[in-house]
């Protein structure tokens, strides 16, 4: 028995919501797995913050070579 074009089209359109549900279900499973992995990696590394101390350097202390390098 052959089906008319309208029955085939209606049948195809009826299956679209089912396919969308299956795709969203699979997508949701992958997102939940990915969120568990991301939660583990959210731990901040233990880094000690150290302040940098700047020293004042007088122009007389610089020799001619260092002065030329800094000006370039």
PDB file of N, CA and C in Angstrom:
ATOM      1  N   UNK A   1       0.842  -1.172   0.000  1.00  0.00           N
ATOM      2  CA  UNK A   1       0.000   0.000   0.000  1.00  0.00           C
ATOM      3  C   UNK A   1       0.894   1.244   0.000  1.00  0.00           C
ATOM      4  N   UNK A   2       0.638   2.139  -0.897  1.00  0.00           N
ATOM      5  CA  UNK A   2       1.394   3.372  -1.003  1.00  0.00           C
ATOM      6  C   UNK A   2       0.731   4.470  -0.175  1.00  0.00           C
ATOM      7  N   UNK A   3       1.567   5.405   0.331  1.00  0.00           N
ATOM      8  CA  UNK A   3       1.055   6.547   1.075  1.00  0.00           C
ATOM      9  C   UNK A   3       1.076   7.772   0.183  1.00  0.00           C
ATOM     10  N   UNK A   4       0.097   8.650   0.363  1.00  0.00           N
ATOM     11  CA  UNK A   4       0.079   9.882  -0.415  1.00  0.00           C
ATOM     12  C   UNK A   4       1.144  10.836   0.137  1.00  0.00           C
ATOM     13  N   UNK A   5       1.457  11.838  -0.644  1.00  0.00           N
ATOM     14  CA  UNK A   5       2.485  12.809  -0.237  1.00  0.00           C
ATOM     15  C   UNK A   5       2.097  13.522   1.051  1.00  0.00           C
ATOM     16  N   UNK A   6       0.819  13.850   1.205  1.00  0.00           N
ATOM     17  CA  UNK A   6       0.393  14.567   2.409  1.00  0.00           C
ATOM     18  C   UNK A   6       0.573  13.708   3.657  1.00  0.00           C
ATOM     19  N   UNK A   7       0.291  12.423   3.580  1.00  0.00           N
ATOM     20  CA  UNK A   7       0.476  11.551   4.736  1.00  0.00           C
ATOM     21  C   UNK A   7       1.963  11.425   5.087  1.00  0.00           C
ATOM     22  N   UNK A   8       2.815  11.373   4.099  1.00  0.00           N
ATOM     23  CA  UNK A   8       4.255  11.274   4.343  1.00  0.00           C
ATOM     24  C   UNK A   8       4.759  12.554   5.002  1.00  0.00           C
ATOM     25  N   UNK A   9       4.319  13.705   4.512  1.00  0.00           N
ATOM     26  CA  UNK A   9       4.745  14.987   5.072  1.00  0.00           C
ATOM     27  C   UNK A   9       4.225  15.147   6.498  1.00  0.00           C
ATOM     28  N   UNK A  10       2.963  14.811   6.719  1.00  0.00           N
ATOM     29  CA  UNK A  10       2.396  14.920   8.065  1.00  0.00           C
ATOM     30  C   UNK A  10       3.114  13.965   9.022  1.00  0.00           C
ATOM     31  N   UNK A  11       3.431  12.778   8.567  1.00  0.00           N
ATOM     32  CA  UNK A  11       4.159  11.822   9.397  1.00  0.00           C
ATOM     33  C   UNK A  11       5.545  12.328   9.742  1.00  0.00           C
ATOM     34  N   UNK A  12       6.207  12.926   8.775  1.00  0.00           N
ATOM     35  CA  UNK A  12       7.532  13.489   9.023  1.00  0.00           C
ATOM     36  C   UNK A  12       7.479  14.637  10.007  1.00  0.00           C
ATOM     37  N   UNK A  13       6.489  15.524   9.850  1.00  0.00           N
ATOM     38  CA  UNK A  13       6.343  16.652  10.758  1.00  0.00           C
ATOM     39  C   UNK A  13       5.962  16.197  12.168  1.00  0.00           C
ATOM     40  N   UNK A  14       5.237  15.098  12.277  1.00  0.00           N
ATOM     41  CA  UNK A  14       4.857  14.578  13.586  1.00  0.00           C
ATOM     42  C   UNK A  14       6.074  14.051  14.344  1.00  0.00           C
ATOM     43  N   UNK A  15       7.082  13.596  13.640  1.00  0.00           N
ATOM     44  CA  UNK A  15       8.271  13.056  14.288  1.00  0.00           C
ATOM     45  C   UNK A  15       9.292  14.129  14.662  1.00  0.00           C
ATOM     46  N   UNK A  16       9.163  15.337  14.159  1.00  0.00           N
ATOM     47  CA  UNK A  16      10.111  16.407  14.460  1.00  0.00           C
ATOM     48  C   UNK A  16      10.160  16.716  15.959  1.00  0.00           C
ATOM     49  N   UNK A  17       9.031  16.876  16.668  1.00  0.00           N
ATOM     50  CA  UNK A  17       9.126  17.134  18.116  1.00  0.00           C
ATOM     51  C   UNK A  17       9.791  15.986  18.873  1.00  0.00           C
ATOM     52  N   UNK A  18       9.590  14.769  18.442  1.00  0.00           N
ATOM     53  CA  UNK A  18      10.232  13.618  19.085  1.00  0.00           C
ATOM     54  C   UNK A  18      11.740  13.694  18.894  1.00  0.00           C
ATOM     55  N   UNK A  19      12.183  14.024  17.694  1.00  0.00           N
ATOM     56  CA  UNK A  19      13.618  14.148  17.428  1.00  0.00           C
ATOM     57  C   UNK A  19      14.230  15.298  18.233  1.00  0.00           C
ATOM     58  N   UNK A  20      13.496  16.412  18.337  1.00  0.00           N
ATOM     59  CA  UNK A  20      13.987  17.546  19.120  1.00  0.00           C
ATOM     60  C   UNK A  20      14.131  17.154  20.583  1.00  0.00           C
ATOM     61  N   UNK A  21      13.152  16.403  21.123  1.00  0.00           N
ATOM     62  CA  UNK A  21      13.228  15.951  22.503  1.00  0.00           C
ATOM     63  C   UNK A  21      14.451  15.057  22.719  1.00  0.00           C
ATOM     64  N   UNK A  22      14.715  14.145  21.810  1.00  0.00           N
ATOM     65  CA  UNK A  22      15.861  13.239  21.943  1.00  0.00           C
ATOM     66  C   UNK A  22      17.164  14.026  21.903  1.00  0.00           C
ATOM     67  N   UNK A  23      17.279  14.975  20.986  1.00  0.00           N
ATOM     68  CA  UNK A  23      18.503  15.780  20.876  1.00  0.00           C
ATOM     69  C   UNK A  23      18.711  16.614  22.141  1.00  0.00           C
ATOM     70  N   UNK A  24      17.661  17.236  22.667  1.00  0.00           N
ATOM     71  CA  UNK A  24      17.785  18.034  23.883  1.00  0.00           C
ATOM     72  C   UNK A  24      18.124  17.164  25.093  1.00  0.00           C
ATOM     73  N   UNK A  25      17.601  15.948  25.133  1.00  0.00           N
ATOM     74  CA  UNK A  25      17.909  15.027  26.224  1.00  0.00           C
ATOM     75  C   UNK A  25      19.390  14.658  26.215  1.00  0.00           C
ATOM     76  N   UNK A  26      19.921  14.333  25.048  1.00  0.00           N
ATOM     77  CA  UNK A  26      21.350  13.998  24.925  1.00  0.00           C
ATOM     78  C   UNK A  26      22.204  15.214  25.256  1.00  0.00           C
ATOM     79  N   UNK A  27      21.805  16.394  24.778  1.00  0.00           N
ATOM     80  CA  UNK A  27      22.536  17.631  25.051  1.00  0.00           C
ATOM     81  C   UNK A  27      22.575  17.907  26.554  1.00  0.00           C
ATOM     82  N   UNK A  28      21.462  17.699  27.236  1.00  0.00           N
ATOM     83  CA  UNK A  28      21.397  17.903  28.677  1.00  0.00           C
ATOM     84  C   UNK A  28      22.319  16.965  29.428  1.00  0.00           C
ATOM     85  N   UNK A  29      22.427  15.727  28.989  1.00  0.00           N
ATOM     86  CA  UNK A  29      23.318  14.764  29.637  1.00  0.00           C
ATOM     87  C   UNK A  29      24.775  15.207  29.499  1.00  0.00           C
ATOM     88  N   UNK A  30      25.161  15.668  28.317  1.00  0.00           N
ATOM     89  CA  UNK A  30      26.531  16.112  28.105  1.00  0.00           C
ATOM     90  C   UNK A  30      26.826  17.377  28.905  1.00  0.00           C
ATOM     91  N   UNK A  31      25.848  18.284  29.026  1.00  0.00           N
ATOM     92  CA  UNK A  31      26.063  19.513  29.802  1.00  0.00           C
ATOM     93  C   UNK A  31      26.243  19.195  31.283  1.00  0.00           C
ATOM     94  N   UNK A  32      25.500  18.230  31.797  1.00  0.00           N
ATOM     95  CA  UNK A  32      25.644  17.889  33.214  1.00  0.00           C
ATOM     96  C   UNK A  32      27.008  17.248  33.474  1.00  0.00           C
ATOM     97  N   UNK A  33      27.475  16.431  32.546  1.00  0.00           N
ATOM     98  CA  UNK A  33      28.801  15.822  32.689  1.00  0.00           C
ATOM     99  C   UNK A  33      29.874  16.899  32.607  1.00  0.00           C
ATOM    100  N   UNK A  34      29.716  17.841  31.673  1.00  0.00           N
ATOM    101  CA  UNK A  34      30.698  18.910  31.499  1.00  0.00           C
ATOM    102  C   UNK A  34      30.722  19.829  32.716  1.00  0.00           C
ATOM    103  N   UNK A  35      29.578  20.083  33.336  1.00  0.00           N
ATOM    104  CA  UNK A  35      29.556  20.966  34.505  1.00  0.00           C
ATOM    105  C   UNK A  35      30.269  20.320  35.682  1.00  0.00           C
ATOM    106  N   UNK A  36      30.210  19.000  35.817  1.00  0.00           N
ATOM    107  CA  UNK A  36      30.934  18.315  36.889  1.00  0.00           C
ATOM    108  C   UNK A  36      32.438  18.442  36.683  1.00  0.00           C
ATOM    109  N   UNK A  37      32.883  18.346  35.458  1.00  0.00           N
ATOM    110  CA  UNK A  37      34.308  18.460  35.156  1.00  0.00           C
ATOM    111  C   UNK A  37      34.789  19.878  35.430  1.00  0.00           C
ATOM    112  N   UNK A  38      33.995  20.861  35.059  1.00  0.00           N
ATOM    113  CA  UNK A  38      34.381  22.260  35.254  1.00  0.00           C
ATOM    114  C   UNK A  38      34.441  22.592  36.740  1.00  0.00           C
ATOM    115  N   UNK A  39      33.531  22.040  37.557  1.00  0.00           N
ATOM    116  CA  UNK A  39      33.531  22.318  38.989  1.00  0.00           C
ATOM    117  C   UNK A  39      34.826  21.852  39.636  1.00  0.00           C
ATOM    118  N   UNK A  40      35.367  20.743  39.195  1.00  0.00           N
ATOM    119  CA  UNK A  40      36.604  20.232  39.758  1.00  0.00           C
ATOM    120  C   UNK A  40      37.762  21.151  39.416  1.00  0.00           C
ATOM    121  N   UNK A  41      37.760  21.704  38.216  1.00  0.00           N
ATOM    122  CA  UNK A  41      38.862  22.534  37.768  1.00  0.00           C
ATOM    123  C   UNK A  41      38.737  23.987  38.230  1.00  0.00           C
ATOM    124  N   UNK A  42      37.667  24.365  38.952  1.00  0.00           N
ATOM    125  CA  UNK A  42      37.492  25.737  39.388  1.00  0.00           C
ATOM    126  C   UNK A  42      38.364  26.092  40.584  1.00  0.00           C
ATOM    127  N   UNK A  43      39.033  25.125  41.195  1.00  0.00           N
ATOM    128  CA  UNK A  43      39.871  25.411  42.345  1.00  0.00           C
ATOM    129  C   UNK A  43      41.004  26.352  41.938  1.00  0.00           C
ATOM    130  N   UNK A  44      41.183  27.404  42.737  1.00  0.00           N
ATOM    131  CA  UNK A  44      42.223  28.375  42.428  1.00  0.00           C
ATOM    132  C   UNK A  44      43.581  27.839  42.866  1.00  0.00           C
ATOM    133  N   UNK A  45      44.588  28.024  42.057  1.00  0.00           N
ATOM    134  CA  UNK A  45      45.923  27.572  42.460  1.00  0.00           C
ATOM    135  C   UNK A  45      46.432  28.401  43.636  1.00  0.00           C
ATOM    136  N   UNK A  46      47.215  27.761  44.474  1.00  0.00           N
ATOM    137  CA  UNK A  46      47.747  28.450  45.644  1.00  0.00           C
ATOM    138  C   UNK A  46      48.996  29.234  45.226  1.00  0.00           C
ATOM    139  N   UNK A  47      48.821  30.540  45.107  1.00  0.00           N
ATOM    140  CA  UNK A  47      49.906  31.417  44.671  1.00  0.00           C
ATOM    141  C   UNK A  47      50.078  32.494  45.727  1.00  0.00           C
ATOM    142  N   UNK A  48      51.294  32.704  46.110  1.00  0.00           N
ATOM    143  CA  UNK A  48      51.580  33.734  47.098  1.00  0.00           C
ATOM    144  C   UNK A  48      51.853  35.044  46.380  1.00  0.00           C
ATOM    145  N   UNK A  49      51.112  36.084  46.742  1.00  0.00           N
ATOM    146  CA  UNK A  49      51.279  37.392  46.128  1.00  0.00           C
ATOM    147  C   UNK A  49      52.361  38.143  46.896  1.00  0.00           C
ATOM    148  N   UNK A  50      53.347  38.600  46.175  1.00  0.00           N
ATOM    149  CA  UNK A  50      54.473  39.300  46.773  1.00  0.00           C
ATOM    150  C   UNK A  50      54.533  40.711  46.201  1.00  0.00           C
ATOM    151  N   UNK A  51      54.751  41.677  47.082  1.00  0.00           N
ATOM    152  CA  UNK A  51      54.876  43.055  46.622  1.00  0.00           C
ATOM    153  C   UNK A  51      56.259  43.294  46.048  1.00  0.00           C
ATOM    154  N   UNK A  52      56.322  44.106  45.032  1.00  0.00           N
ATOM    155  CA  UNK A  52      57.596  44.432  44.397  1.00  0.00           C
ATOM    156  C   UNK A  52      58.065  45.770  44.951  1.00  0.00           C
ATOM    157  N   UNK A  53      59.273  45.776  45.429  1.00  0.00           N
ATOM    158  CA  UNK A  53      59.842  47.010  45.963  1.00  0.00           C
ATOM    159  C   UNK A  53      60.701  47.666  44.894  1.00  0.00           C
ATOM    160  N   UNK A  54      60.443  48.943  44.667  1.00  0.00           N
ATOM    161  CA  UNK A  54      61.217  49.678  43.675  1.00  0.00           C
ATOM    162  C   UNK A  54      62.269  50.520  44.403  1.00  0.00           C
ATOM    163  N   UNK A  55      63.458  50.490  43.877  1.00  0.00           N
ATOM    164  CA  UNK A  55      64.535  51.266  44.469  1.00  0.00           C
ATOM    165  C   UNK A  55      64.777  52.516  43.624  1.00  0.00           C
ATOM    166  N   UNK A  56      65.070  53.590  44.304  1.00  0.00           N
ATOM    167  CA  UNK A  56      65.394  54.819  43.586  1.00  0.00           C
ATOM    168  C   UNK A  56      66.841  54.746  43.113  1.00  0.00           C
ATOM    169  N   UNK A  57      67.049  55.081  41.866  1.00  0.00           N
ATOM    170  CA  UNK A  57      68.399  55.059  41.312  1.00  0.00           C
ATOM    171  C   UNK A  57      68.740  56.488  40.901  1.00  0.00           C
ATOM    172  N   UNK A  58      69.850  56.944  41.381  1.00  0.00           N
ATOM    173  CA  UNK A  58      70.288  58.295  41.047  1.00  0.00           C
ATOM    174  C   UNK A  58      70.975  58.282  39.691  1.00  0.00           C
ATOM    175  N   UNK A  59      70.856  59.382  38.983  1.00  0.00           N
ATOM    176  CA  UNK A  59      71.458  59.501  37.655  1.00  0.00           C
ATOM    177  C   UNK A  59      72.970  59.367  37.725  1.00  0.00           C
ATOM    178  N   UNK A  60      73.565  59.797  38.809  1.00  0.00           N
ATOM    179  CA  UNK A  60      75.015  59.719  38.910  1.00  0.00           C
ATOM    180  C   UNK A  60      75.494  58.272  39.029  1.00  0.00           C
ATOM    181  N   UNK A  61      74.641  57.403  39.561  1.00  0.00           N
ATOM    182  CA  UNK A  61      75.041  56.013  39.748  1.00  0.00           C
ATOM    183  C   UNK A  61      75.044  55.234  38.429  1.00  0.00           C
ATOM    184  N   UNK A  62      74.294  55.707  37.466  1.00  0.00           N
ATOM    185  CA  UNK A  62      74.260  55.026  36.176  1.00  0.00           C
ATOM    186  C   UNK A  62      75.498  55.408  35.372  1.00  0.00           C
ATOM    187  N   UNK A  63      76.107  54.428  34.773  1.00  0.00           N
ATOM    188  CA  UNK A  63      77.230  54.792  33.906  1.00  0.00           C
ATOM    189  C   UNK A  63      76.685  55.118  32.509  1.00  0.00           C
ATOM    190  N   UNK A  64      77.497  55.533  31.636  1.00  0.00           N
ATOM    191  CA  UNK A  64      77.074  56.009  30.319  1.00  0.00           C
ATOM    192  C   UNK A  64      76.386  54.908  29.510  1.00  0.00           C
ATOM    193  N   UNK A  65      76.855  53.659  29.603  1.00  0.00           N
ATOM    194  CA  UNK A  65      76.250  52.570  28.827  1.00  0.00           C
ATOM    195  C   UNK A  65      74.819  52.281  29.263  1.00  0.00           C
ATOM    196  N   UNK A  66      74.589  52.240  30.558  1.00  0.00           N
ATOM    197  CA  UNK A  66      73.240  51.981  31.035  1.00  0.00           C
ATOM    198  C   UNK A  66      72.311  53.112  30.668  1.00  0.00           C
ATOM    199  N   UNK A  67      72.777  54.319  30.700  1.00  0.00           N
ATOM    200  CA  UNK A  67      71.966  55.464  30.344  1.00  0.00           C
ATOM    201  C   UNK A  67      71.559  55.404  28.881  1.00  0.00           C
ATOM    202  N   UNK A  68      72.481  55.003  27.996  1.00  0.00           N
ATOM    203  CA  UNK A  68      72.179  54.903  26.574  1.00  0.00           C
ATOM    204  C   UNK A  68      71.153  53.795  26.320  1.00  0.00           C
ATOM    205  N   UNK A  69      71.272  52.652  27.010  1.00  0.00           N
ATOM    206  CA  UNK A  69      70.348  51.535  26.822  1.00  0.00           C
ATOM    207  C   UNK A  69      68.935  51.916  27.225  1.00  0.00           C
ATOM    208  N   UNK A  70      68.804  52.630  28.297  1.00  0.00           N
ATOM    209  CA  UNK A  70      67.468  53.023  28.769  1.00  0.00           C
ATOM    210  C   UNK A  70      66.835  54.088  27.890  1.00  0.00           C
ATOM    211  N   UNK A  71      67.647  54.934  27.278  1.00  0.00           N
ATOM    212  CA  UNK A  71      67.087  55.990  26.444  1.00  0.00           C
ATOM    213  C   UNK A  71      66.637  55.484  25.095  1.00  0.00           C
ATOM    214  N   UNK A  72      67.142  54.343  24.677  1.00  0.00           N
ATOM    215  CA  UNK A  72      66.781  53.802  23.342  1.00  0.00           C
ATOM    216  C   UNK A  72      65.490  53.090  23.329  1.00  0.00           C
TER     217      UNK A  72
END
